[in-house]
Protein backbone atom coordinates (compact mmCIF):
# COMPACT_ATOMS: atom_id res chain seq x y z
CA MET A 1 40.77 71.90 191.59
CA ASP A 2 37.74 73.48 193.30
CA THR A 3 34.70 74.33 191.20
CA ILE A 4 32.46 77.23 192.23
CA ASN A 5 29.31 77.91 190.25
CA VAL A 6 28.80 81.48 189.05
CA ALA A 7 25.39 82.65 190.31
CA LEU A 8 22.61 82.85 187.74
CA THR A 9 22.11 86.52 188.66
CA ASP A 10 25.72 87.11 187.53
CA GLN A 11 25.05 85.73 184.04
CA HIS A 12 22.17 87.73 182.58
CA ARG A 13 23.03 88.40 178.94
CA PRO A 14 25.05 90.29 177.77
CA ILE A 15 26.91 90.27 181.14
CA PRO A 16 28.81 86.99 180.44
CA ASN A 17 30.81 88.59 177.62
CA ILE A 18 31.59 91.94 179.24
CA ARG A 19 34.90 92.97 180.76
CA THR A 20 34.27 96.26 182.58
CA ARG A 21 37.18 98.68 182.32
CA THR A 22 37.49 101.14 185.21
CA PHE A 23 40.09 103.88 185.54
CA PHE A 24 40.80 105.24 189.04
CA ILE A 25 42.71 108.51 188.68
CA VAL A 26 44.44 109.21 192.01
CA LYS A 27 46.22 112.55 192.54
CA ALA A 28 49.14 110.97 194.38
CA ARG A 29 52.16 108.78 193.76
CA LEU A 30 51.15 105.22 194.59
CA ASP A 31 53.49 102.43 195.67
CA ALA A 32 53.32 99.81 192.89
CA ASP A 33 55.44 97.21 194.68
CA ALA A 34 53.41 97.40 197.89
CA MET A 35 50.15 97.29 195.91
CA LYS A 36 51.21 94.22 193.94
CA THR A 37 52.28 92.40 197.12
CA ALA A 38 49.03 93.29 198.90
CA LEU A 39 46.94 92.16 195.93
CA ASP A 40 48.78 88.84 195.90
CA THR A 41 48.05 88.45 199.62
CA LEU A 42 44.38 89.41 199.20
CA ILE A 43 43.82 86.75 196.55
CA ARG A 44 46.20 84.03 197.71
CA ASP A 45 45.19 84.15 201.39
CA HIS A 46 41.64 85.54 201.43
CA TRP A 47 39.58 85.92 198.22
CA ARG A 48 40.89 82.83 196.46
CA LYS A 49 38.30 82.49 193.70
CA LEU A 50 39.65 85.68 192.11
CA GLY A 51 42.91 83.84 191.43
CA GLY A 52 41.20 81.00 189.59
CA ARG A 53 39.98 80.85 186.02
CA LEU A 54 36.54 81.43 184.56
CA HIS A 55 35.43 78.33 182.67
CA LEU A 56 32.38 78.02 180.44
CA ASN A 57 30.75 74.66 181.15
CA THR A 58 29.71 73.51 177.67
CA SER A 59 27.14 71.05 179.04
CA THR A 60 25.22 73.71 180.99
CA GLY A 61 26.17 76.84 179.06
CA PHE A 62 27.03 78.63 182.32
CA TYR A 63 30.29 79.89 183.82
CA GLU A 64 32.17 78.36 186.74
CA TYR A 65 35.24 79.34 188.72
CA HIS A 66 38.01 76.72 188.57
CA VAL A 67 40.30 77.43 191.52
CA PRO A 68 43.48 75.45 192.30
CA GLN A 69 43.39 74.02 195.81
CA THR A 70 46.91 75.39 196.25
CA PHE A 71 48.30 78.27 194.24
CA LYS A 72 51.77 77.75 192.82
CA PRO A 73 54.39 80.51 193.30
CA ALA A 74 53.97 83.64 191.19
CA SER A 75 56.84 82.49 188.95
CA GLU A 76 54.80 79.42 187.93
CA TYR A 77 51.18 80.63 188.04
CA GLU A 78 49.71 83.98 187.00
CA LEU A 79 47.37 84.95 189.83
CA PHE A 80 46.46 88.22 188.09
CA ARG A 81 47.77 90.23 185.14
CA TRP A 82 49.96 93.15 186.27
CA SER A 83 51.82 95.87 184.41
CA THR A 84 52.99 99.46 184.89
CA SER A 85 54.16 102.37 182.76
CA THR A 86 55.62 105.79 183.53
CA LYS A 87 54.93 108.98 181.61
CA THR A 88 56.67 112.31 181.88
CA GLY A 89 54.73 115.37 182.95
CA LEU A 90 51.52 116.21 184.80
CA ILE A 91 48.31 114.31 184.17
CA ASP A 92 46.44 117.51 183.24
CA ALA A 93 48.88 117.98 180.37
CA ALA A 94 48.23 114.46 179.10
CA VAL A 95 44.44 114.56 179.49
CA PRO A 96 43.60 118.27 179.86
CA LYS A 97 39.80 117.97 179.79
CA LEU A 98 39.36 115.00 182.09
CA MET A 99 39.53 115.99 185.76
CA LYS A 100 38.87 119.73 185.62
CA THR A 101 35.44 121.32 185.93
CA PRO A 102 34.69 122.49 182.37
CA GLY A 103 35.19 126.20 181.80
CA PRO A 104 32.82 128.49 179.85
CA GLU A 105 34.71 127.78 176.61
CA ASP A 106 33.79 124.08 176.86
CA CYS A 107 30.13 124.50 177.89
CA GLU A 108 26.99 124.82 175.82
CA GLY A 109 25.94 128.45 176.22
CA THR A 110 25.42 129.38 179.87
CA SER A 111 24.03 125.97 180.86
CA GLY A 112 27.27 124.68 182.37
CA VAL A 113 26.66 121.43 180.46
CA ALA A 114 29.70 120.24 178.51
CA PHE A 115 30.35 117.46 176.00
CA LEU A 116 33.92 116.25 176.52
CA PRO A 117 36.04 113.61 174.77
CA ALA A 118 34.61 110.08 174.99
CA VAL A 119 35.72 107.46 177.51
CA THR A 120 37.16 105.45 174.63
CA ASP A 121 39.53 108.34 173.86
CA TYR A 122 41.36 107.56 177.12
CA ASP A 123 41.73 103.82 176.55
CA HIS A 124 45.04 104.21 174.71
CA GLU A 125 46.32 106.46 177.50
CA PHE A 126 45.47 104.19 180.42
CA ARG A 127 44.85 100.64 179.12
CA PRO A 128 47.38 98.32 177.44
CA ASP A 129 46.41 97.44 173.87
CA SER A 130 47.03 93.78 174.68
CA TRP A 131 44.10 93.58 177.11
CA PRO A 132 41.13 91.57 175.79
CA TYR A 133 38.05 93.73 175.28
CA HIS A 134 35.47 90.98 175.83
CA LEU A 135 35.54 87.85 177.95
CA GLU A 136 35.25 85.76 174.78
CA ASP A 137 38.54 87.36 173.64
CA ASP A 138 40.45 85.87 176.60
CA PRO A 139 43.10 83.36 175.52
CA ALA A 140 43.21 80.02 177.33
CA ASP A 141 44.35 80.12 180.95
CA THR A 142 43.77 83.88 181.25
CA PRO A 143 43.66 85.38 184.77
CA ILE A 144 40.36 86.85 185.90
CA LEU A 145 41.78 90.23 186.93
CA PHE A 146 43.90 92.67 184.92
CA PHE A 147 45.65 95.69 186.48
CA HIS A 148 47.76 98.42 184.93
CA LEU A 149 49.25 101.41 186.75
CA THR A 150 50.21 104.52 184.78
CA PHE A 151 52.43 106.97 186.66
CA TYR A 152 52.53 110.73 186.03
CA ASP A 153 54.52 113.32 187.96
CA ASP A 154 51.48 114.20 190.10
CA ALA A 155 49.09 111.26 189.77
CA THR A 156 48.64 107.53 189.31
CA VAL A 157 45.95 105.89 187.19
CA VAL A 158 44.90 102.43 188.35
CA ALA A 159 43.22 100.63 185.44
CA ILE A 160 41.23 97.47 186.11
CA SER A 161 39.57 94.99 183.78
CA LEU A 162 36.99 92.93 185.68
CA PRO A 163 34.66 90.37 184.05
CA HIS A 164 31.09 91.48 184.69
CA VAL A 165 30.18 87.95 185.78
CA VAL A 166 32.48 88.51 188.78
CA GLY A 167 30.70 91.66 189.93
CA ASP A 168 29.18 95.04 189.19
CA GLN A 169 30.85 98.35 190.05
CA LEU A 170 29.86 98.09 193.70
CA GLY A 171 31.67 94.76 193.59
CA THR A 172 34.67 96.52 192.03
CA ALA A 173 34.58 98.99 194.91
CA SER A 174 34.54 96.09 197.40
CA LEU A 175 37.62 94.68 195.66
CA MET A 176 39.39 98.03 195.98
CA ARG A 177 38.46 98.36 199.66
CA GLY A 178 39.60 94.81 200.40
CA TRP A 179 42.89 95.58 198.64
CA MET A 180 43.36 98.81 200.63
CA ASN A 181 42.60 96.92 203.87
CA VAL A 182 45.45 94.52 203.23
CA LEU A 183 47.76 97.43 202.42
CA ALA A 184 46.77 98.98 205.76
CA GLY A 185 47.52 95.75 207.60
CA LYS A 186 43.87 94.79 208.12
CA ALA A 187 42.08 91.58 207.16
CA PRO A 188 39.35 91.92 204.51
CA PRO A 189 35.88 90.52 205.24
CA PRO A 190 35.33 86.88 204.16
CA MET A 191 34.32 86.54 200.54
CA MET A 192 30.78 85.44 199.77
CA ASP A 193 31.32 82.65 197.25
CA GLU A 194 27.67 81.61 197.12
CA ASP A 195 24.80 83.83 195.96
CA PRO A 196 23.23 85.53 199.01
CA LEU A 197 20.39 87.14 197.06
CA PRO A 198 16.95 85.85 198.16
CA HIS A 199 15.66 82.64 196.59
CA GLY A 200 12.15 82.91 198.06
CA ARG A 201 10.22 81.89 194.95
CA GLU A 202 10.74 80.29 191.57
CA TRP A 203 9.35 81.75 188.36
CA SER A 204 6.88 78.86 188.09
CA GLN A 205 5.36 79.94 191.41
CA LEU A 206 4.54 83.48 190.29
CA SER A 207 1.02 84.50 189.38
CA LYS A 208 0.31 85.50 185.80
CA GLU A 209 0.08 89.16 186.86
CA GLU A 210 3.44 88.98 188.65
CA ALA A 211 5.21 87.17 185.84
CA ARG A 212 4.04 89.41 182.99
CA LYS A 213 3.67 93.13 183.51
CA LYS A 214 3.85 95.52 180.55
CA GLY A 215 7.07 97.48 180.57
CA ALA A 216 8.71 95.24 183.18
CA MET A 217 11.32 92.52 182.89
CA HIS A 218 9.64 89.24 181.99
CA VAL A 219 10.38 85.82 180.51
CA ARG A 220 9.78 86.29 176.80
CA SER A 221 7.71 84.00 174.62
CA SER A 222 9.33 82.36 171.61
CA GLY A 223 10.05 84.91 168.87
CA GLU A 224 8.92 87.92 170.93
CA TYR A 225 12.32 89.61 171.03
CA ILE A 226 12.53 89.74 167.24
CA PHE A 227 9.68 92.25 167.26
CA VAL A 228 11.42 94.28 169.96
CA ILE A 229 14.54 94.55 167.79
CA LEU A 230 12.49 95.46 164.70
CA GLY A 231 11.40 98.66 166.39
CA PHE A 232 15.01 99.86 166.57
CA ILE A 233 16.16 98.92 163.07
CA PRO A 234 15.00 102.06 161.16
CA ASP A 235 16.96 104.36 163.46
CA MET A 236 20.04 102.14 163.18
CA VAL A 237 19.78 102.01 159.38
CA PHE A 238 19.14 105.69 158.66
CA HIS A 239 21.27 107.16 161.47
CA LYS A 240 24.27 104.86 161.77
CA GLU A 241 26.81 107.29 163.20
CA GLU A 242 26.93 108.08 166.89
CA ALA A 243 28.55 110.90 168.85
CA ASN A 244 30.05 109.55 172.08
CA HIS A 245 31.03 111.90 174.89
CA ILE A 246 31.72 112.28 178.55
CA MET A 247 28.90 114.64 179.45
CA PHE A 248 29.28 117.00 182.40
CA ILE A 249 26.13 118.23 184.16
CA PRO A 250 26.81 120.90 186.80
CA MET A 251 25.55 120.30 190.33
CA ALA A 252 23.85 123.70 190.37
CA LEU A 253 21.67 122.72 187.40
CA VAL A 254 20.76 119.34 188.94
CA LYS A 255 19.78 120.96 192.26
CA SER A 256 17.79 123.67 190.49
CA LEU A 257 15.87 121.08 188.47
CA ARG A 258 15.27 118.95 191.55
CA ALA A 259 13.78 121.90 193.42
CA ARG A 260 11.56 122.69 190.44
CA PHE A 261 10.43 119.08 190.09
CA HIS A 262 9.59 118.94 193.80
CA LYS A 263 7.40 122.01 193.49
CA GLU A 264 5.63 120.68 190.39
CA LEU A 265 5.05 117.24 191.88
CA GLU A 266 3.79 118.62 195.19
CA ALA A 267 1.19 120.58 193.22
CA ASN A 268 0.12 117.38 191.41
CA GLY A 269 -0.32 114.74 194.08
CA GLY A 270 3.02 114.76 195.89
CA ASP A 271 6.74 114.24 195.45
CA PRO A 272 7.59 110.50 195.82
CA GLY A 273 11.07 111.46 197.02
CA ILE A 274 12.97 112.09 193.81
CA SER A 275 16.77 112.08 193.94
CA ASP A 276 19.50 113.69 191.88
CA ASN A 277 19.67 110.44 189.94
CA ASP A 278 15.96 110.66 189.05
CA VAL A 279 16.57 114.18 187.76
CA ILE A 280 19.51 113.09 185.59
CA THR A 281 17.56 110.06 184.34
CA ALA A 282 14.64 112.26 183.28
CA VAL A 283 16.90 114.73 181.47
CA MET A 284 18.80 112.01 179.60
CA CYS A 285 15.60 110.18 178.66
CA LYS A 286 14.13 113.39 177.20
CA PHE A 287 17.39 114.28 175.47
CA SER A 288 17.49 110.83 173.82
CA ARG A 289 14.37 111.70 171.81
CA ILE A 290 14.60 115.49 171.68
CA HIS A 291 14.52 115.45 167.89
CA LYS A 292 11.83 112.77 167.50
CA GLY A 293 8.06 112.48 167.74
CA PRO A 294 5.79 110.86 170.35
CA MET A 295 6.56 107.29 171.38
CA THR A 296 5.80 104.84 174.16
CA ILE A 297 9.07 104.23 175.97
CA THR A 298 10.32 101.91 178.68
CA LEU A 299 12.77 103.69 180.98
CA GLY A 300 15.14 101.33 182.81
CA GLN A 301 17.23 101.96 185.91
CA SER A 302 19.77 99.70 187.62
CA VAL A 303 19.08 99.50 191.37
CA ASN A 304 21.39 98.28 194.13
CA LEU A 305 19.98 95.49 196.32
CA ARG A 306 22.80 95.62 198.89
CA GLY A 307 21.59 96.49 202.34
CA ARG A 308 18.03 95.48 201.49
CA PHE A 309 18.17 91.93 202.89
CA SER A 310 19.56 90.46 206.09
CA SER A 311 22.04 88.36 204.09
CA MET A 312 23.45 91.51 202.50
CA THR A 313 23.84 93.92 205.41
CA GLY A 314 26.58 94.83 207.83
CA PRO A 315 30.34 94.31 207.44
CA ALA A 316 29.82 90.99 205.61
CA VAL A 317 28.58 92.80 202.51
CA GLY A 318 32.16 94.03 201.99
CA GLY A 319 32.96 90.51 200.77
CA PHE A 320 30.11 90.46 198.25
CA LEU A 321 31.66 90.41 194.77
CA HIS A 322 28.65 89.66 192.62
CA ASN A 323 26.05 91.57 190.60
CA GLY A 324 23.72 92.77 193.32
CA MET A 325 21.40 94.75 191.08
CA ALA A 326 17.72 94.80 190.20
CA HIS A 327 16.39 96.50 187.09
CA ALA A 328 13.50 98.86 187.69
CA SER A 329 11.49 100.05 184.71
CA SER A 330 8.58 102.33 183.92
CA ARG A 331 6.59 102.48 180.69
CA PHE A 332 4.84 105.63 179.53
CA HIS A 333 3.95 107.66 176.44
CA MET A 334 6.43 110.50 175.95
CA THR A 335 5.94 113.57 173.80
CA LYS A 336 7.86 116.83 173.54
CA LYS A 337 5.43 118.25 176.12
CA THR A 338 5.90 115.52 178.74
CA PRO A 339 7.22 117.31 181.87
CA LEU A 340 10.62 116.24 183.11
CA SER A 341 9.20 116.03 186.61
CA GLU A 342 6.69 113.44 185.43
CA ILE A 343 9.47 111.27 183.98
CA ALA A 344 11.46 111.59 187.22
CA SER A 345 8.38 110.54 189.19
CA HIS A 346 7.83 107.48 186.97
CA ASN A 347 11.44 106.47 187.57
CA ARG A 348 11.23 106.90 191.35
CA HIS A 349 8.00 104.87 191.64
CA ALA A 350 9.57 102.05 189.60
CA ILE A 351 12.64 101.99 191.87
CA ASP A 352 10.54 102.01 195.03
CA GLU A 353 8.43 99.12 193.73
CA VAL A 354 11.35 96.84 192.89
CA LEU A 355 12.98 97.54 196.26
CA THR A 356 10.07 96.19 198.27
CA PRO A 357 10.66 92.63 199.56
CA GLU A 358 7.84 91.37 197.34
CA GLY A 359 9.05 93.32 194.32
CA ALA A 360 12.65 92.14 194.66
CA GLU A 361 11.53 88.52 195.13
CA VAL A 362 9.47 88.59 191.93
CA HIS A 363 12.23 90.38 190.05
CA LEU A 364 14.92 87.86 191.03
CA ALA A 365 12.68 84.88 190.18
CA ILE A 366 12.11 86.33 186.70
CA ALA A 367 15.80 87.20 186.24
CA ARG A 368 16.98 83.69 187.09
CA GLU A 369 14.48 82.09 184.70
CA MET A 370 15.55 84.45 181.91
CA VAL A 371 19.17 83.42 182.49
CA ARG A 372 18.22 79.74 182.33
CA ARG A 373 16.62 80.44 178.93
CA LYS A 374 19.61 82.55 177.77
CA GLN A 375 17.43 85.65 177.31
CA THR A 376 18.86 89.16 177.23
CA LEU A 377 18.37 91.76 179.95
CA HIS A 378 16.96 94.39 177.57
CA ILE A 379 13.53 95.60 178.80
CA CYS A 380 11.28 96.85 176.02
CA GLU A 381 7.91 96.02 174.46
CA PRO A 382 7.63 95.07 170.76
CA PHE A 383 7.87 98.01 168.32
CA GLU A 384 8.35 100.51 171.16
CA ARG A 385 11.56 102.18 172.43
CA SER A 386 13.71 101.98 175.52
CA TYR A 387 16.28 104.00 177.38
CA SER A 388 18.24 103.00 180.47
CA ILE A 389 20.57 104.50 183.05
CA THR A 390 23.24 102.95 185.23
CA SER A 391 24.74 104.91 188.12
CA TRP A 392 28.16 104.27 189.69
CA PRO A 393 28.91 107.16 192.10
CA ALA A 394 27.56 105.36 195.20
CA ALA A 395 30.25 102.72 194.66
CA TRP A 396 33.08 105.24 195.03
CA LYS A 397 31.75 106.95 198.16
CA ASP A 398 34.54 107.20 200.77
CA LEU A 399 36.89 105.05 198.67
CA ASP A 400 40.31 105.96 200.03
CA PHE A 401 43.61 105.11 198.32
CA SER A 402 45.70 106.46 201.24
CA PRO A 403 47.18 103.04 202.18
CA ALA A 404 48.62 102.80 198.65
CA VAL A 405 50.34 106.20 198.73
CA VAL A 406 54.14 106.12 198.80
CA GLY A 407 55.34 106.58 202.40
CA TYR A 408 51.96 105.87 204.05
CA SER A 409 53.14 102.68 205.74
CA GLU A 410 56.00 104.60 207.38
CA LEU A 411 53.67 107.08 209.08
CA GLU A 412 52.74 106.76 212.74
CA LYS A 413 49.27 105.30 213.32
CA SER A 414 47.96 108.68 214.54
CA GLN A 415 49.26 110.29 211.34
CA GLN A 416 47.63 107.59 209.20
CA GLU A 417 44.27 108.19 210.89
CA THR A 418 44.43 111.92 210.08
CA HIS A 419 45.88 111.45 206.58
CA LYS A 420 43.82 113.35 204.02
CA PRO A 421 42.59 110.98 201.27
CA PRO A 422 44.09 111.78 197.87
CA GLU A 423 41.80 113.32 195.28
CA LEU A 424 40.01 110.65 193.22
CA PHE A 425 38.30 110.72 189.85
CA VAL A 426 36.73 107.67 188.15
CA ILE A 427 35.71 106.89 184.59
CA GLY A 428 35.15 103.63 182.74
CA ARG A 429 32.97 101.61 180.43
CA GLY A 430 31.42 98.17 180.16
CA GLY A 431 29.27 96.73 177.41
CA GLU A 432 30.16 95.09 174.10
CA ARG A 433 31.66 96.90 171.13
CA LYS A 434 28.70 96.00 168.93
CA THR A 435 26.11 97.51 171.31
CA PRO A 436 24.74 100.91 170.18
CA HIS A 437 25.45 103.52 172.80
CA ARG A 438 22.48 105.76 172.04
CA PHE A 439 19.98 103.85 174.18
CA HIS A 440 21.90 103.95 177.44
CA ALA A 441 23.94 106.27 179.66
CA THR A 442 26.16 105.67 182.67
CA VAL A 443 26.61 108.14 185.50
CA MET A 444 30.28 107.45 186.24
CA PHE A 445 31.32 109.96 188.88
CA ARG A 446 30.16 112.90 190.96
CA ASN A 447 31.81 115.54 193.09
CA ASP A 448 30.81 118.95 194.39
CA ALA A 449 31.08 120.41 190.89
CA GLY A 450 28.68 118.02 189.21
CA TYR A 451 28.18 114.69 187.47
CA TRP A 452 30.18 113.01 184.69
CA LEU A 453 28.28 110.66 182.37
CA ASP A 454 29.31 108.27 179.61
CA MET A 455 26.75 108.85 176.88
CA GLY A 456 26.17 108.50 173.16
CA VAL A 457 23.55 109.78 170.71
CA THR A 458 23.12 110.10 166.96
CA LEU A 459 24.67 113.07 165.17
CA GLN A 460 21.19 114.51 164.62
CA CYS A 461 20.39 114.16 168.31
CA ILE A 462 23.56 115.84 169.61
CA ALA A 463 22.93 118.78 167.29
CA ALA A 464 19.37 119.11 168.62
CA ILE A 465 20.56 118.89 172.25
CA LYS A 466 23.16 121.61 171.74
CA ALA A 467 20.63 123.83 169.97
CA HIS A 468 18.19 123.43 172.85
CA LEU A 469 20.83 124.21 175.49
CA ALA A 470 21.77 127.38 173.60
CA LYS A 471 18.24 128.79 173.91
CA ASP A 472 17.14 127.08 177.15
CA PRO A 473 20.22 126.69 179.39
CA SER A 474 18.18 126.07 182.56
CA LEU A 475 16.03 123.42 180.80
CA GLU A 476 12.83 125.22 181.75
CA ASN A 477 11.23 124.17 178.48
CA LEU A 478 12.69 120.71 177.93
């Protein structure tokens, strides 16, 4: 039995208990037998740690991979959990509001913004009820990876349950690409078993100013987090119910807002280079408190570190199945009059700071020390508020399921090279059941029509958002 330590940066609470569920909706008939064989080959012959078991070392409190030196045949050892189901009819008939651009009847006024059924509404359609929701729910000797394929007349849904300690969504995308490589007869890149993120400094080597910055991730003093939680209790007590939705934001609105923000920022010192994601982050942050008074807030943003260091560039990064994220944050006083462009600018400056070599080095030193002390990732100051955004669309860029399509392997090589990738749509959710969804949103997918987000707010908040969109569809006055 080989033992591989799970990197500290893969175990920041609550990550160790999360199984991320991702649903890849592919508008094509996929070859289940070929996919299962290729997945077996990928794990058995290349990325072996994925066929092991996650084991919590009770003496250290951290996870390890326990990987057999030789895998037994599939009849004697479950390398991964695999199942399929077939349903009659077209996928649009089964989930009519999922893949289509929302029509006027589904949108709020003329804004183009729509609140669609929640991600959890699709769990019963795409995910077996027997799947464990959290890592702590796994029975003994449970495989790391779970896969379920649901077949419709015109589409296939590939559902995956991946423990967050194994990787983030960019890691999930690397798994999918490695799988497709094997299906196409290509070797995947070698897997990075060890943590390639920089280890330049330890937390004990940081200056006081580096180690403790207001509104930034830091190692908490004893009892500090209790006062952070106290700030959220009144809202949780008096507004218990949440409205969860897939929220659609049209591309035209995002581009219009981005152009407006650029103009405003250029007139006030310069545009730091805001992106679509900064625009969406600003809108969601403001929406989260649209019905509330002034408050100092910490706005968090997950940031990809891949491609930022020599150890994580080039083809080798395709074998990086870890959590390669930093967590940028900005802290500011927000009122109803705070311009959206100002919030977007705060977010962009925070991202740029954490992506400098010095900023990333400090961030990783703090993150590892927090993990050693079993402290949670949540970034917020005592008695203040927080909101955070995670963005997945970059992970799915150019992800091509063509090698899995029925009949692809029988095509001539020239035909394979010109094969048009099947249409893809992605939704999913991580997190724990007990975690309130009102303080966080996930940008799950984008296409030419717009962006699809997994979001939740209180009933009072969703009513206020819809009322605002009815009178201000272009968000000129948000």
